[in-house]
Amino acid sequence: MRSSVRVRKTAKKIIFFSFSVKRHASAHPYIGMNIFNKIFLLGKEFLFPGTCALCGCSLINPAEIRFSLCDKCRKDLTAAKQLADRDNKCDLCGKPLISEINTCLPCRNGDKRSYERLWVLYPYIGKYRRLLTTYKFGNNLALADYFAEKIMDTISAIPELNEAIIVPVPPRPGKIKDNGWDQVDYLVKRLKKIKGCPPVFRCLKRKKSKVQKQLSRTERMNNLKGRIFMTDSAAAKISPEKPVIVIDDVITTGSTIEMCSAVLKEKGFKNIYGVCLFFD
């Protein structure tokens, strides 16, 4: 059904596009798109129709193509997140609480954290796992706009993050050169396009180390110890009085965000928070 009407709808959009520029330009409050971008998307849709990253159906309108998600899947994801947000979350790691209050047992019994609190958007299971896998390993860059929008929604709703700055988790040396991109770095680039996005400082650097996902929590902490640092020139550009939001894609043991926060703490930053897309 969707495939059969795609060409007809796309042709109509291109023909009557000039009459609806103002309406389309204000339809989305986050990522502005000029006329040339919209024409490009419509042309891309006509010549190279994409499919939804979750259900695989054909993408019809510019919003679906921009996010690589059909309208139905985006609505389903929004509804699922709204339902999940009603659950109590750990004040430290952001994961759902089962019988605990305020703080989960692992965080309560673990070492003191360098950050104040962590917010996580989705669990790394089911359709959410497929979503990140498609973005991270399938190189579906359009999903970065969807993730960026949801991160911005989260930041805007949290009073503690007012006047904050964003510091992305640094990629391992050579990753961008080897793979052509880094998922967190690209996510932050798209986040910067959103109106009202806090200032972004790529002030953390990372020395060569083993791949984190192959290690245990203790090994991960030791693996990153002394491997993440901030140059003095970078530190001089940022006021330590500003709240900091450390951005990452997946949290498993929390060692990466913890090490980044510890480095920031050593440089005098007092209020450090974390926002992560998925928890594993």
C-alpha atoms as a PDB file:
ATOM      1  CA  MET A   1       0.000   0.000   0.000  1.00  0.00           C
ATOM      2  CA  ARG A   2       2.719   2.446   1.046  1.00  0.00           C
ATOM      3  CA  SER A   3       4.911   1.489  -1.950  1.00  0.00           C
ATOM      4  CA  SER A   4       2.074   1.924  -4.449  1.00  0.00           C
ATOM      5  CA  VAL A   5       1.317   5.504  -3.411  1.00  0.00           C
ATOM      6  CA  ARG A   6       4.931   6.607  -2.872  1.00  0.00           C
ATOM      7  CA  VAL A   7       5.662   7.864  -6.409  1.00  0.00           C
ATOM      8  CA  ARG A   8       2.304   9.625  -6.762  1.00  0.00           C
ATOM      9  CA  LYS A   9       2.639  11.390  -3.428  1.00  0.00           C
ATOM     10  CA  THR A  10       6.243  12.377  -4.052  1.00  0.00           C
ATOM     11  CA  ALA A  11       5.404  13.868  -7.460  1.00  0.00           C
ATOM     12  CA  LYS A  12       2.589  15.914  -5.940  1.00  0.00           C
ATOM     13  CA  LYS A  13       4.892  17.175  -3.192  1.00  0.00           C
ATOM     14  CA  ILE A  14       7.485  18.328  -5.703  1.00  0.00           C
ATOM     15  CA  ILE A  15       4.878  20.085  -7.891  1.00  0.00           C
ATOM     16  CA  PHE A  16       3.164  21.910  -5.040  1.00  0.00           C
ATOM     17  CA  PHE A  17       6.233  22.312  -2.830  1.00  0.00           C
ATOM     18  CA  SER A  18       6.585  26.064  -3.400  1.00  0.00           C
ATOM     19  CA  PHE A  19       3.101  26.643  -2.001  1.00  0.00           C
ATOM     20  CA  SER A  20       3.840  25.030   1.324  1.00  0.00           C
ATOM     21  CA  VAL A  21       7.377  26.185   2.202  1.00  0.00           C
ATOM     22  CA  LYS A  22       6.314  28.255   5.204  1.00  0.00           C
ATOM     23  CA  ARG A  23       4.109  25.516   6.591  1.00  0.00           C
ATOM     24  CA  HIS A  24       6.853  22.878   6.284  1.00  0.00           C
ATOM     25  CA  ALA A  25       9.566  25.181   7.613  1.00  0.00           C
ATOM     26  CA  SER A  26       7.720  25.604  10.913  1.00  0.00           C
ATOM     27  CA  ALA A  27       6.466  22.029  11.165  1.00  0.00           C
ATOM     28  CA  HIS A  28       9.426  20.823  13.193  1.00  0.00           C
ATOM     29  CA  PRO A  29      10.706  22.897  16.143  1.00  0.00           C
ATOM     30  CA  TYR A  30      14.153  21.347  16.275  1.00  0.00           C
ATOM     31  CA  ILE A  31      16.160  20.902  13.102  1.00  0.00           C
ATOM     32  CA  GLY A  32      15.531  23.654  10.559  1.00  0.00           C
ATOM     33  CA  MET A  33      15.625  22.712   6.884  1.00  0.00           C
ATOM     34  CA  ASN A  34      15.982  25.186   4.039  1.00  0.00           C
ATOM     35  CA  ILE A  35      14.282  24.919   0.655  1.00  0.00           C
ATOM     36  CA  PHE A  36      17.231  23.188  -1.013  1.00  0.00           C
ATOM     37  CA  ASN A  37      17.388  20.547   1.740  1.00  0.00           C
ATOM     38  CA  LYS A  38      13.699  19.795   1.312  1.00  0.00           C
ATOM     39  CA  ILE A  39      13.959  19.547  -2.459  1.00  0.00           C
ATOM     40  CA  PHE A  40      16.967  17.249  -2.021  1.00  0.00           C
ATOM     41  CA  LEU A  41      15.003  14.982   0.331  1.00  0.00           C
ATOM     42  CA  LEU A  42      12.049  14.832  -2.025  1.00  0.00           C
ATOM     43  CA  GLY A  43      14.333  14.058  -4.965  1.00  0.00           C
ATOM     44  CA  LYS A  44      16.140  11.402  -2.928  1.00  0.00           C
ATOM     45  CA  GLU A  45      12.793   9.903  -1.966  1.00  0.00           C
ATOM     46  CA  PHE A  46      11.715   9.731  -5.601  1.00  0.00           C
ATOM     47  CA  LEU A  47      14.945   8.221  -6.941  1.00  0.00           C
ATOM     48  CA  PHE A  48      16.205   6.210  -3.961  1.00  0.00           C
ATOM     49  CA  PRO A  49      13.298   5.290  -1.653  1.00  0.00           C
ATOM     50  CA  GLY A  50      14.459   4.245   1.808  1.00  0.00           C
ATOM     51  CA  THR A  51      12.964   1.892   4.345  1.00  0.00           C
ATOM     52  CA  CYS A  52      12.167   2.286   8.033  1.00  0.00           C
ATOM     53  CA  ALA A  53      15.042   1.265  10.304  1.00  0.00           C
ATOM     54  CA  LEU A  54      12.621  -0.707  12.494  1.00  0.00           C
ATOM     55  CA  CYS A  55       9.753  -2.162  10.452  1.00  0.00           C
ATOM     56  CA  GLY A  56      11.261  -2.019   6.955  1.00  0.00           C
ATOM     57  CA  CYS A  57       8.314  -0.265   5.279  1.00  0.00           C
ATOM     58  CA  SER A  58       8.864   2.364   2.554  1.00  0.00           C
ATOM     59  CA  LEU A  59       9.478   5.908   3.750  1.00  0.00           C
ATOM     60  CA  ILE A  60       7.084   8.404   2.200  1.00  0.00           C
ATOM     61  CA  ASN A  61       7.303  11.916   3.618  1.00  0.00           C
ATOM     62  CA  PRO A  62      10.383  14.106   4.291  1.00  0.00           C
ATOM     63  CA  ALA A  63      10.137  13.643   8.073  1.00  0.00           C
ATOM     64  CA  GLU A  64      10.249   9.853   7.690  1.00  0.00           C
ATOM     65  CA  ILE A  65      13.269  10.063   5.383  1.00  0.00           C
ATOM     66  CA  ARG A  66      15.073  12.549   7.629  1.00  0.00           C
ATOM     67  CA  PHE A  67      14.782  10.277  10.674  1.00  0.00           C
ATOM     68  CA  SER A  68      14.887   6.962   8.752  1.00  0.00           C
ATOM     69  CA  LEU A  69      11.799   5.949  10.730  1.00  0.00           C
ATOM     70  CA  CYS A  70       8.189   5.781   9.566  1.00  0.00           C
ATOM     71  CA  ASP A  71       5.562   7.846  11.370  1.00  0.00           C
ATOM     72  CA  LYS A  72       4.056   4.786  13.046  1.00  0.00           C
ATOM     73  CA  CYS A  73       7.367   3.559  14.481  1.00  0.00           C
ATOM     74  CA  ARG A  74       8.220   7.032  15.757  1.00  0.00           C
ATOM     75  CA  LYS A  75       4.840   7.255  17.478  1.00  0.00           C
ATOM     76  CA  ASP A  76       5.297   3.788  18.975  1.00  0.00           C
ATOM     77  CA  LEU A  77       8.775   4.709  20.263  1.00  0.00           C
ATOM     78  CA  THR A  78       7.455   7.937  21.788  1.00  0.00           C
ATOM     79  CA  ALA A  79       4.572   6.141  23.501  1.00  0.00           C
ATOM     80  CA  ALA A  80       6.905   3.442  24.864  1.00  0.00           C
ATOM     81  CA  LYS A  81       9.309   6.052  26.224  1.00  0.00           C
ATOM     82  CA  GLN A  82       6.509   8.015  27.882  1.00  0.00           C
ATOM     83  CA  LEU A  83       5.368   4.809  29.581  1.00  0.00           C
ATOM     84  CA  ALA A  84       8.918   3.930  30.672  1.00  0.00           C
ATOM     85  CA  ASP A  85       9.471   7.441  32.035  1.00  0.00           C
ATOM     86  CA  ARG A  86       6.761   6.826  34.608  1.00  0.00           C
ATOM     87  CA  ASP A  87       8.929   4.165  36.258  1.00  0.00           C
ATOM     88  CA  ASN A  88      11.277   5.098  39.074  1.00  0.00           C
ATOM     89  CA  LYS A  89      14.899   5.385  37.952  1.00  0.00           C
ATOM     90  CA  CYS A  90      18.157   5.164  39.870  1.00  0.00           C
ATOM     91  CA  ASP A  91      19.475   8.633  40.759  1.00  0.00           C
ATOM     92  CA  LEU A  92      22.996   7.607  39.763  1.00  0.00           C
ATOM     93  CA  CYS A  93      22.927   5.225  36.793  1.00  0.00           C
ATOM     94  CA  GLY A  94      19.486   6.056  35.390  1.00  0.00           C
ATOM     95  CA  LYS A  95      18.398   2.413  35.160  1.00  0.00           C
ATOM     96  CA  PRO A  96      14.872   1.362  36.273  1.00  0.00           C
ATOM     97  CA  LEU A  97      14.416   0.505  39.946  1.00  0.00           C
ATOM     98  CA  ILE A  98      12.666  -2.730  40.873  1.00  0.00           C
ATOM     99  CA  SER A  99      12.231  -2.708  44.658  1.00  0.00           C
ATOM    100  CA  GLU A 100      14.851  -0.110  45.602  1.00  0.00           C
ATOM    101  CA  ILE A 101      14.226   3.542  46.426  1.00  0.00           C
ATOM    102  CA  ASN A 102      16.195   6.383  44.799  1.00  0.00           C
ATOM    103  CA  THR A 103      19.378   4.343  44.203  1.00  0.00           C
ATOM    104  CA  CYS A 104      19.823   0.812  42.857  1.00  0.00           C
ATOM    105  CA  LEU A 105      21.769  -1.798  44.827  1.00  0.00           C
ATOM    106  CA  PRO A 106      24.863  -1.864  42.547  1.00  0.00           C
ATOM    107  CA  CYS A 107      25.213   1.934  42.774  1.00  0.00           C
ATOM    108  CA  ARG A 108      24.597   1.905  46.522  1.00  0.00           C
ATOM    109  CA  ASN A 109      27.298  -0.710  47.081  1.00  0.00           C
ATOM    110  CA  GLY A 110      29.677   0.590  44.444  1.00  0.00           C
ATOM    111  CA  ASP A 111      32.402   3.205  44.542  1.00  0.00           C
ATOM    112  CA  LYS A 112      31.586   6.887  44.837  1.00  0.00           C
ATOM    113  CA  ARG A 113      30.794   8.426  41.458  1.00  0.00           C
ATOM    114  CA  SER A 114      32.415  11.544  40.032  1.00  0.00           C
ATOM    115  CA  TYR A 115      29.177  12.658  38.387  1.00  0.00           C
ATOM    116  CA  GLU A 116      26.013  13.832  40.122  1.00  0.00           C
ATOM    117  CA  ARG A 117      23.458  11.933  38.092  1.00  0.00           C
ATOM    118  CA  LEU A 118      22.946  10.042  34.844  1.00  0.00           C
ATOM    119  CA  TRP A 119      19.891   9.990  32.579  1.00  0.00           C
ATOM    120  CA  VAL A 120      19.419   7.126  30.107  1.00  0.00           C
ATOM    121  CA  LEU A 121      16.770   7.170  27.380  1.00  0.00           C
ATOM    122  CA  TYR A 122      16.239   3.538  26.296  1.00  0.00           C
ATOM    123  CA  PRO A 123      17.058  -0.044  27.328  1.00  0.00           C
ATOM    124  CA  TYR A 124      19.428  -1.878  24.990  1.00  0.00           C
ATOM    125  CA  ILE A 125      16.935  -4.659  24.195  1.00  0.00           C
ATOM    126  CA  GLY A 126      14.457  -5.620  21.478  1.00  0.00           C
ATOM    127  CA  LYS A 127      13.601  -2.899  18.987  1.00  0.00           C
ATOM    128  CA  TYR A 128      15.821  -0.411  20.816  1.00  0.00           C
ATOM    129  CA  ARG A 129      18.830  -2.677  20.332  1.00  0.00           C
ATOM    130  CA  ARG A 130      17.948  -2.956  16.641  1.00  0.00           C
ATOM    131  CA  LEU A 131      17.703   0.820  16.454  1.00  0.00           C
ATOM    132  CA  LEU A 132      21.212   1.388  17.803  1.00  0.00           C
ATOM    133  CA  THR A 133      22.685  -1.509  15.820  1.00  0.00           C
ATOM    134  CA  THR A 134      21.309  -0.020  12.603  1.00  0.00           C
ATOM    135  CA  TYR A 135      22.793   3.362  13.485  1.00  0.00           C
ATOM    136  CA  LYS A 136      26.117   2.232  14.894  1.00  0.00           C
ATOM    137  CA  PHE A 137      27.001  -0.743  12.704  1.00  0.00           C
ATOM    138  CA  GLY A 138      24.676  -0.210   9.735  1.00  0.00           C
ATOM    139  CA  ASN A 139      25.879   3.367   9.252  1.00  0.00           C
ATOM    140  CA  ASN A 140      22.304   4.684   9.143  1.00  0.00           C
ATOM    141  CA  LEU A 141      23.302   8.283   9.859  1.00  0.00           C
ATOM    142  CA  ALA A 142      19.756   9.620   9.544  1.00  0.00           C
ATOM    143  CA  LEU A 143      18.931   8.073  12.935  1.00  0.00           C
ATOM    144  CA  ALA A 144      21.315  10.569  14.553  1.00  0.00           C
ATOM    145  CA  ASP A 145      18.713  13.306  13.997  1.00  0.00           C
ATOM    146  CA  TYR A 146      16.110  11.229  15.823  1.00  0.00           C
ATOM    147  CA  PHE A 147      18.467  10.515  18.730  1.00  0.00           C
ATOM    148  CA  ALA A 148      19.545  14.166  18.867  1.00  0.00           C
ATOM    149  CA  GLU A 149      15.944  15.301  19.150  1.00  0.00           C
ATOM    150  CA  LYS A 150      15.281  12.934  22.048  1.00  0.00           C
ATOM    151  CA  ILE A 151      18.447  14.004  23.867  1.00  0.00           C
ATOM    152  CA  MET A 152      17.443  17.640  23.458  1.00  0.00           C
ATOM    153  CA  ASP A 153      13.985  16.855  24.843  1.00  0.00           C
ATOM    154  CA  THR A 154      15.639  15.306  27.907  1.00  0.00           C
ATOM    155  CA  ILE A 155      18.083  18.174  28.467  1.00  0.00           C
ATOM    156  CA  SER A 156      15.353  20.803  28.100  1.00  0.00           C
ATOM    157  CA  ALA A 157      13.172  19.115  30.725  1.00  0.00           C
ATOM    158  CA  ILE A 158      15.842  18.961  33.469  1.00  0.00           C
ATOM    159  CA  PRO A 159      16.403  22.155  35.519  1.00  0.00           C
ATOM    160  CA  GLU A 160      19.871  21.022  36.656  1.00  0.00           C
ATOM    161  CA  LEU A 161      21.048  21.124  33.061  1.00  0.00           C
ATOM    162  CA  ASN A 162      20.152  24.756  32.461  1.00  0.00           C
ATOM    163  CA  GLU A 163      23.192  26.776  31.355  1.00  0.00           C
ATOM    164  CA  ALA A 164      25.160  23.533  30.962  1.00  0.00           C
ATOM    165  CA  ILE A 165      27.779  22.695  28.361  1.00  0.00           C
ATOM    166  CA  ILE A 166      28.056  19.407  26.452  1.00  0.00           C
ATOM    167  CA  VAL A 167      31.216  17.300  26.505  1.00  0.00           C
ATOM    168  CA  PRO A 168      31.061  14.165  24.316  1.00  0.00           C
ATOM    169  CA  VAL A 169      32.896  10.984  25.270  1.00  0.00           C
ATOM    170  CA  PRO A 170      36.054  11.011  23.096  1.00  0.00           C
ATOM    171  CA  PRO A 171      36.544   8.298  20.444  1.00  0.00           C
ATOM    172  CA  ARG A 172      39.511   5.971  20.620  1.00  0.00           C
ATOM    173  CA  PRO A 173      42.505   7.149  18.573  1.00  0.00           C
ATOM    174  CA  GLY A 174      42.169   6.326  14.892  1.00  0.00           C
ATOM    175  CA  LYS A 175      38.502   5.337  15.060  1.00  0.00           C
ATOM    176  CA  ILE A 176      37.243   8.138  12.812  1.00  0.00           C
ATOM    177  CA  LYS A 177      40.134   7.556  10.426  1.00  0.00           C
ATOM    178  CA  ASP A 178      39.525   3.793  10.321  1.00  0.00           C
ATOM    179  CA  ASN A 179      35.719   3.800  10.200  1.00  0.00           C
ATOM    180  CA  GLY A 180      35.067   7.171   8.615  1.00  0.00           C
ATOM    181  CA  TRP A 181      33.006   8.334  11.585  1.00  0.00           C
ATOM    182  CA  ASP A 182      32.310   7.957  15.311  1.00  0.00           C
ATOM    183  CA  GLN A 183      28.704   7.492  16.432  1.00  0.00           C
ATOM    184  CA  VAL A 184      28.947   9.833  19.444  1.00  0.00           C
ATOM    185  CA  ASP A 185      30.865  12.501  17.547  1.00  0.00           C
ATOM    186  CA  TYR A 186      28.301  12.478  14.719  1.00  0.00           C
ATOM    187  CA  LEU A 187      25.396  12.486  17.186  1.00  0.00           C
ATOM    188  CA  VAL A 188      26.778  15.638  18.810  1.00  0.00           C
ATOM    189  CA  LYS A 189      27.213  17.271  15.390  1.00  0.00           C
ATOM    190  CA  ARG A 190      23.507  16.747  14.711  1.00  0.00           C
ATOM    191  CA  LEU A 191      22.641  17.871  18.236  1.00  0.00           C
ATOM    192  CA  LYS A 192      24.398  21.188  17.577  1.00  0.00           C
ATOM    193  CA  LYS A 193      21.958  21.833  14.713  1.00  0.00           C
ATOM    194  CA  ILE A 194      19.032  21.943  17.110  1.00  0.00           C
ATOM    195  CA  LYS A 195      17.875  25.353  18.232  1.00  0.00           C
ATOM    196  CA  GLY A 196      18.707  25.935  21.888  1.00  0.00           C
ATOM    197  CA  CYS A 197      21.369  23.228  22.075  1.00  0.00           C
ATOM    198  CA  PRO A 198      23.952  23.946  24.816  1.00  0.00           C
ATOM    199  CA  PRO A 199      27.502  24.810  23.701  1.00  0.00           C
ATOM    200  CA  VAL A 200      29.593  21.768  22.755  1.00  0.00           C
ATOM    201  CA  PHE A 201      33.236  21.402  23.790  1.00  0.00           C
ATOM    202  CA  ARG A 202      35.237  18.456  22.453  1.00  0.00           C
ATOM    203  CA  CYS A 203      37.771  18.989  25.202  1.00  0.00           C
ATOM    204  CA  LEU A 204      38.482  15.389  26.212  1.00  0.00           C
ATOM    205  CA  LYS A 205      41.061  13.273  24.416  1.00  0.00           C
ATOM    206  CA  ARG A 206      41.726   9.543  24.620  1.00  0.00           C
ATOM    207  CA  LYS A 207      44.950   7.600  24.374  1.00  0.00           C
ATOM    208  CA  LYS A 208      45.121   4.195  22.754  1.00  0.00           C
ATOM    209  CA  SER A 209      43.604   1.408  24.859  1.00  0.00           C
ATOM    210  CA  LYS A 210      41.840  -1.941  24.543  1.00  0.00           C
ATOM    211  CA  VAL A 211      38.238  -2.121  23.294  1.00  0.00           C
ATOM    212  CA  GLN A 212      35.978  -1.641  26.333  1.00  0.00           C
ATOM    213  CA  LYS A 213      33.202  -4.086  25.377  1.00  0.00           C
ATOM    214  CA  GLN A 214      35.596  -7.028  25.677  1.00  0.00           C
ATOM    215  CA  LEU A 215      36.426  -6.301  29.351  1.00  0.00           C
ATOM    216  CA  SER A 216      34.833  -6.660  32.796  1.00  0.00           C
ATOM    217  CA  ARG A 217      33.927  -3.608  34.902  1.00  0.00           C
ATOM    218  CA  THR A 218      37.204  -3.694  36.875  1.00  0.00           C
ATOM    219  CA  GLU A 219      39.197  -4.242  33.696  1.00  0.00           C
ATOM    220  CA  ARG A 220      37.344  -1.382  31.997  1.00  0.00           C
ATOM    221  CA  MET A 221      38.222   1.041  34.783  1.00  0.00           C
ATOM    222  CA  ASN A 222      41.880  -0.002  34.730  1.00  0.00           C
ATOM    223  CA  ASN A 223      41.914   0.091  30.929  1.00  0.00           C
ATOM    224  CA  LEU A 224      40.847   3.757  30.871  1.00  0.00           C
ATOM    225  CA  LYS A 225      42.836   4.933  33.883  1.00  0.00           C
ATOM    226  CA  GLY A 226      45.131   7.688  32.683  1.00  0.00           C
ATOM    227  CA  ARG A 227      43.920   7.198  29.102  1.00  0.00           C
ATOM    228  CA  ILE A 228      41.378  10.040  29.047  1.00  0.00           C
ATOM    229  CA  PHE A 229      42.668  13.569  29.571  1.00  0.00           C
ATOM    230  CA  MET A 230      41.941  17.237  28.994  1.00  0.00           C
ATOM    231  CA  THR A 231      44.565  19.582  27.624  1.00  0.00           C
ATOM    232  CA  ASP A 232      45.303  22.775  29.525  1.00  0.00           C
ATOM    233  CA  SER A 233      44.369  24.852  26.476  1.00  0.00           C
ATOM    234  CA  ALA A 234      40.932  23.218  26.367  1.00  0.00           C
ATOM    235  CA  ALA A 235      40.378  23.674  30.100  1.00  0.00           C
ATOM    236  CA  ALA A 236      41.169  27.394  29.816  1.00  0.00           C
ATOM    237  CA  LYS A 237      38.254  27.917  27.420  1.00  0.00           C
ATOM    238  CA  ILE A 238      35.563  26.608  29.781  1.00  0.00           C
ATOM    239  CA  SER A 239      34.404  28.005  33.111  1.00  0.00           C
ATOM    240  CA  PRO A 240      34.465  25.246  35.776  1.00  0.00           C
ATOM    241  CA  GLU A 241      31.361  26.850  37.283  1.00  0.00           C
ATOM    242  CA  LYS A 242      29.290  25.634  34.347  1.00  0.00           C
ATOM    243  CA  PRO A 243      27.365  22.363  34.704  1.00  0.00           C
ATOM    244  CA  VAL A 244      28.691  19.699  32.322  1.00  0.00           C
ATOM    245  CA  ILE A 245      26.711  17.071  30.398  1.00  0.00           C
ATOM    246  CA  VAL A 246      28.826  14.100  29.314  1.00  0.00           C
ATOM    247  CA  ILE A 247      27.214  12.438  26.259  1.00  0.00           C
ATOM    248  CA  ASP A 248      27.639   8.752  25.348  1.00  0.00           C
ATOM    249  CA  ASP A 249      25.660   6.193  23.352  1.00  0.00           C
ATOM    250  CA  VAL A 250      25.608   3.064  25.549  1.00  0.00           C
ATOM    251  CA  ILE A 251      26.275   2.574  29.251  1.00  0.00           C
ATOM    252  CA  THR A 252      27.144  -0.926  30.463  1.00  0.00           C
ATOM    253  CA  THR A 253      29.259  -0.631  33.592  1.00  0.00           C
ATOM    254  CA  GLY A 254      29.456   3.179  33.518  1.00  0.00           C
ATOM    255  CA  SER A 255      33.257   3.137  33.538  1.00  0.00           C
ATOM    256  CA  THR A 256      33.683   5.386  30.484  1.00  0.00           C
ATOM    257  CA  ILE A 257      31.398   8.164  31.737  1.00  0.00           C
ATOM    258  CA  GLU A 258      32.918   7.789  35.209  1.00  0.00           C
ATOM    259  CA  MET A 259      36.455   8.213  33.899  1.00  0.00           C
ATOM    260  CA  CYS A 260      35.452  11.239  31.793  1.00  0.00           C
ATOM    261  CA  SER A 261      33.732  12.756  34.836  1.00  0.00           C
ATOM    262  CA  ALA A 262      36.760  12.090  37.047  1.00  0.00           C
ATOM    263  CA  VAL A 263      38.997  13.973  34.609  1.00  0.00           C
ATOM    264  CA  LEU A 264      36.569  16.918  34.569  1.00  0.00           C
ATOM    265  CA  LYS A 265      36.411  16.843  38.366  1.00  0.00           C
ATOM    266  CA  GLU A 266      40.199  17.042  38.571  1.00  0.00           C
ATOM    267  CA  LYS A 267      40.041  20.172  36.405  1.00  0.00           C
ATOM    268  CA  GLY A 268      37.717  21.861  38.887  1.00  0.00           C
ATOM    269  CA  PHE A 269      34.288  21.140  37.411  1.00  0.00           C
ATOM    270  CA  LYS A 270      31.820  20.575  40.246  1.00  0.00           C
ATOM    271  CA  ASN A 271      28.445  19.758  38.671  1.00  0.00           C
ATOM    272  CA  ILE A 272      28.872  16.912  36.198  1.00  0.00           C
ATOM    273  CA  TYR A 273      25.971  14.957  34.713  1.00  0.00           C
ATOM    274  CA  GLY A 274      25.609  12.269  32.087  1.00  0.00           C
ATOM    275  CA  VAL A 275      23.065  11.667  29.308  1.00  0.00           C
ATOM    276  CA  CYS A 276      23.207   8.348  27.479  1.00  0.00           C
ATOM    277  CA  LEU A 277      21.041   6.837  24.764  1.00  0.00           C
ATOM    278  CA  PHE A 278      20.929   3.219  25.938  1.00  0.00           C
ATOM    279  CA  PHE A 279      21.664   1.136  29.033  1.00  0.00           C
ATOM    280  CA  ASP A 280      22.818  -2.459  28.729  1.00  0.00           C
END
